[in-house]
Amino acid sequence: MNSQRVLRYFGVLALAVGWLTIIISVSINPWFSLARNALSDLGAVGRETAWVFNSGLMVAGIIAALYSIYLIGVARDKLEVLASTIFLASSIHLILTGAFPEGTYPHLFASYWFFISAGIAVLLFGAALLAKRDLSLGGSFILISVIGFTGAVFVPWPSIGSVEVFAIILLSIWATLMLKRF
């Protein structure tokens, strides 16, 4: 199996690593509540098990970055290259979210920009596919992005962690659907 075929699955793999990181981190931190906490509380400075969460985010980000590079390589037009490059930026922000845990200055910036740039990348992938007349997949990606941004802003979430989980679920759907096209 060539490396390009393997990299095709790295979007789903990155999310699997992310979910596993969250599940393990929550299980070893009984104080954590999705109704009260941000996910980054699991990796906050001073927490004994913070390394589990932070290293998991960095590994997921590295895998996502490799996936982004694969997407740039298989892109068929400038809009797909742009979407892939923005997703690469998102992946770098995920790595930085783990490298600069909650309690350090750049953490909030890196964390927010991970989610924002990922949503923009999904939107641009949708636009690229619509331009190719792939209405089903393109429309699905645009819908995922619009639901994500609208839901994040207008739904009264009980915590930042719950909106983060919502966004990660949407990214998981997107990554799975990407296997149909890329």
Protein backbone atom coordinates (compact mmCIF):
# COMPACT_ATOMS: atom_id res chain seq x y z
CA MET A 1 0.00 0.00 0.00
CA ASN A 2 1.51 3.33 -1.01
CA SER A 3 1.84 6.24 1.40
CA GLN A 4 -0.82 8.29 -0.39
CA ARG A 5 -3.44 5.58 0.20
CA VAL A 6 -2.48 5.44 3.89
CA LEU A 7 -2.55 9.25 4.31
CA ARG A 8 -6.08 9.28 2.89
CA TYR A 9 -7.28 7.87 6.23
CA PHE A 10 -5.32 10.27 8.44
CA GLY A 11 -8.26 12.69 8.81
CA VAL A 12 -10.32 9.97 10.47
CA LEU A 13 -7.25 8.74 12.37
CA ALA A 14 -6.57 12.23 13.77
CA LEU A 15 -10.13 12.42 15.06
CA ALA A 16 -9.93 8.91 16.52
CA VAL A 17 -6.76 9.92 18.40
CA GLY A 18 -8.52 13.10 19.54
CA TRP A 19 -11.58 11.21 20.80
CA LEU A 20 -9.42 8.61 22.53
CA THR A 21 -7.43 11.40 24.18
CA ILE A 22 -10.62 13.03 25.46
CA ILE A 23 -12.10 9.74 26.70
CA ILE A 24 -8.92 8.69 28.52
CA SER A 25 -8.41 12.16 29.99
CA VAL A 26 -12.00 12.35 31.27
CA SER A 27 -11.74 8.84 32.73
CA ILE A 28 -8.61 9.68 34.76
CA ASN A 29 -10.00 13.03 35.95
CA PRO A 30 -13.20 12.33 37.91
CA TRP A 31 -13.61 16.03 38.78
CA PHE A 32 -14.23 16.88 35.10
CA SER A 33 -17.77 17.78 34.06
CA LEU A 34 -18.78 18.49 30.47
CA ALA A 35 -21.52 20.71 31.87
CA ARG A 36 -19.00 22.97 33.65
CA ASN A 37 -15.59 22.64 32.07
CA ALA A 38 -13.73 23.32 28.85
CA LEU A 39 -11.94 20.28 27.45
CA SER A 40 -8.67 22.18 27.92
CA ASP A 41 -9.21 22.04 31.70
CA LEU A 42 -8.02 18.43 31.33
CA GLY A 43 -4.60 19.71 30.26
CA ALA A 44 -4.33 22.82 32.41
CA VAL A 45 -1.00 23.84 33.87
CA GLY A 46 -0.51 22.19 37.25
CA ARG A 47 -2.75 19.16 36.62
CA GLU A 48 -0.92 15.92 37.35
CA THR A 49 -2.33 14.14 34.28
CA ALA A 50 -2.26 17.15 31.95
CA TRP A 51 0.40 15.48 29.82
CA VAL A 52 -2.12 12.85 28.68
CA PHE A 53 -4.47 15.44 27.21
CA ASN A 54 -1.80 17.78 25.86
CA SER A 55 0.35 15.10 24.24
CA GLY A 56 -2.77 13.52 22.72
CA LEU A 57 -3.76 16.85 21.17
CA MET A 58 -0.29 17.27 19.72
CA VAL A 59 -0.28 13.76 18.24
CA ALA A 60 -3.77 14.31 16.76
CA GLY A 61 -2.57 17.64 15.35
CA ILE A 62 0.50 16.08 13.75
CA ILE A 63 -1.64 13.39 12.12
CA ALA A 64 -4.10 16.06 10.94
CA ALA A 65 -1.21 18.10 9.52
CA LEU A 66 0.00 15.08 7.54
CA TYR A 67 -3.57 14.64 6.27
CA SER A 68 -3.61 18.30 5.22
CA ILE A 69 -0.39 17.85 3.28
CA TYR A 70 -1.95 14.83 1.57
CA LEU A 71 -5.00 16.96 0.69
CA ILE A 72 -2.78 19.68 -0.79
CA GLY A 73 -1.10 17.00 -2.91
CA VAL A 74 -4.36 15.60 -4.31
CA ALA A 75 -6.09 18.97 -4.71
CA ARG A 76 -7.57 19.54 -8.15
CA ASP A 77 -7.86 23.31 -8.10
CA LYS A 78 -6.86 26.44 -6.20
CA LEU A 79 -9.92 26.40 -3.93
CA GLU A 80 -9.10 22.86 -2.76
CA VAL A 81 -5.48 23.93 -2.16
CA LEU A 82 -6.74 26.91 -0.14
CA ALA A 83 -9.11 24.72 1.90
CA SER A 84 -6.33 22.19 2.52
CA THR A 85 -3.88 24.92 3.53
CA ILE A 86 -6.37 26.43 5.98
CA PHE A 87 -6.91 22.95 7.40
CA LEU A 88 -3.13 22.69 7.79
CA ALA A 89 -3.21 25.95 9.76
CA SER A 90 -5.99 24.47 11.88
CA SER A 91 -3.85 21.38 12.52
CA ILE A 92 -0.95 23.56 13.61
CA HIS A 93 -3.27 25.38 16.01
CA LEU A 94 -4.30 22.01 17.48
CA ILE A 95 -0.63 21.16 18.05
CA LEU A 96 -0.14 24.58 19.67
CA THR A 97 -3.21 24.04 21.88
CA GLY A 98 -1.43 21.04 23.40
CA ALA A 99 2.01 22.69 23.44
CA PHE A 100 0.63 25.75 25.25
CA PRO A 101 -1.85 24.29 27.75
CA GLU A 102 -4.59 26.14 29.52
CA GLY A 103 -2.97 28.59 31.90
CA THR A 104 -0.44 29.84 29.36
CA TYR A 105 -0.91 32.98 27.31
CA PRO A 106 -1.23 31.61 23.75
CA HIS A 107 -3.59 28.75 24.67
CA LEU A 108 -6.90 30.53 24.17
CA PHE A 109 -5.79 31.98 20.82
CA ALA A 110 -4.56 28.59 19.56
CA SER A 111 -7.67 26.77 20.74
CA TYR A 112 -10.18 29.20 19.23
CA TRP A 113 -8.30 29.36 15.95
CA PHE A 114 -8.20 25.57 15.72
CA PHE A 115 -11.99 25.47 15.68
CA ILE A 116 -12.50 28.60 13.56
CA SER A 117 -10.01 27.64 10.86
CA ALA A 118 -11.28 24.04 10.75
CA GLY A 119 -14.81 25.37 10.16
CA ILE A 120 -13.56 27.69 7.41
CA ALA A 121 -11.69 24.80 5.75
CA VAL A 122 -14.83 22.63 5.78
CA LEU A 123 -16.79 25.51 4.24
CA LEU A 124 -14.19 25.99 1.50
CA PHE A 125 -14.10 22.27 0.72
CA GLY A 126 -17.86 22.49 0.32
CA ALA A 127 -17.56 25.47 -2.04
CA ALA A 128 -14.88 23.67 -4.08
CA LEU A 129 -17.13 20.63 -4.48
CA LEU A 130 -20.16 22.75 -5.37
CA ALA A 131 -18.08 24.41 -8.08
CA LYS A 132 -17.46 20.90 -9.48
CA ARG A 133 -21.21 20.21 -9.39
CA ASP A 134 -20.90 17.74 -6.52
CA LEU A 135 -24.04 19.11 -4.91
CA SER A 136 -24.51 16.34 -2.37
CA LEU A 137 -21.07 16.31 -0.77
CA GLY A 138 -20.41 20.03 -1.32
CA GLY A 139 -23.77 20.93 0.18
CA SER A 140 -23.13 18.58 3.11
CA PHE A 141 -19.81 20.26 3.88
CA ILE A 142 -21.33 23.74 3.71
CA LEU A 143 -24.19 22.60 5.94
CA ILE A 144 -21.74 21.11 8.46
CA SER A 145 -19.83 24.41 8.59
CA VAL A 146 -22.96 26.57 8.86
CA ILE A 147 -24.44 24.32 11.57
CA GLY A 148 -21.12 24.48 13.43
CA PHE A 149 -20.75 28.26 13.38
CA THR A 150 -24.45 28.93 13.96
CA GLY A 151 -24.69 26.37 16.74
CA ALA A 152 -21.56 27.67 18.45
CA VAL A 153 -22.91 31.22 18.48
CA PHE A 154 -26.64 30.83 19.04
CA VAL A 155 -27.14 27.67 21.12
CA PRO A 156 -26.97 28.36 24.88
CA TRP A 157 -24.35 25.71 25.66
CA PRO A 158 -23.84 24.84 29.34
CA SER A 159 -20.06 25.04 28.95
CA ILE A 160 -17.29 25.64 26.46
CA GLY A 161 -16.54 21.92 26.63
CA SER A 162 -20.00 21.03 25.34
CA VAL A 163 -19.66 23.32 22.32
CA GLU A 164 -16.19 21.88 21.71
CA VAL A 165 -17.63 18.35 21.67
CA PHE A 166 -20.36 19.56 19.27
CA ALA A 167 -17.68 20.92 16.92
CA ILE A 168 -15.59 17.74 17.15
CA ILE A 169 -18.66 15.64 16.28
CA LEU A 170 -19.19 17.80 13.18
CA LEU A 171 -15.51 17.47 12.24
CA SER A 172 -15.81 13.70 12.67
CA ILE A 173 -18.74 13.62 10.24
CA TRP A 174 -16.77 15.79 7.79
CA ALA A 175 -13.64 13.60 7.98
CA THR A 176 -15.70 10.48 7.37
CA LEU A 177 -17.44 12.06 4.37
CA MET A 178 -14.06 13.19 2.99
CA LEU A 179 -13.25 9.52 2.38
CA LYS A 180 -15.88 9.56 -0.40
CA ARG A 181 -14.02 12.17 -2.41
CA PHE A 182 -10.39 12.61 -1.38
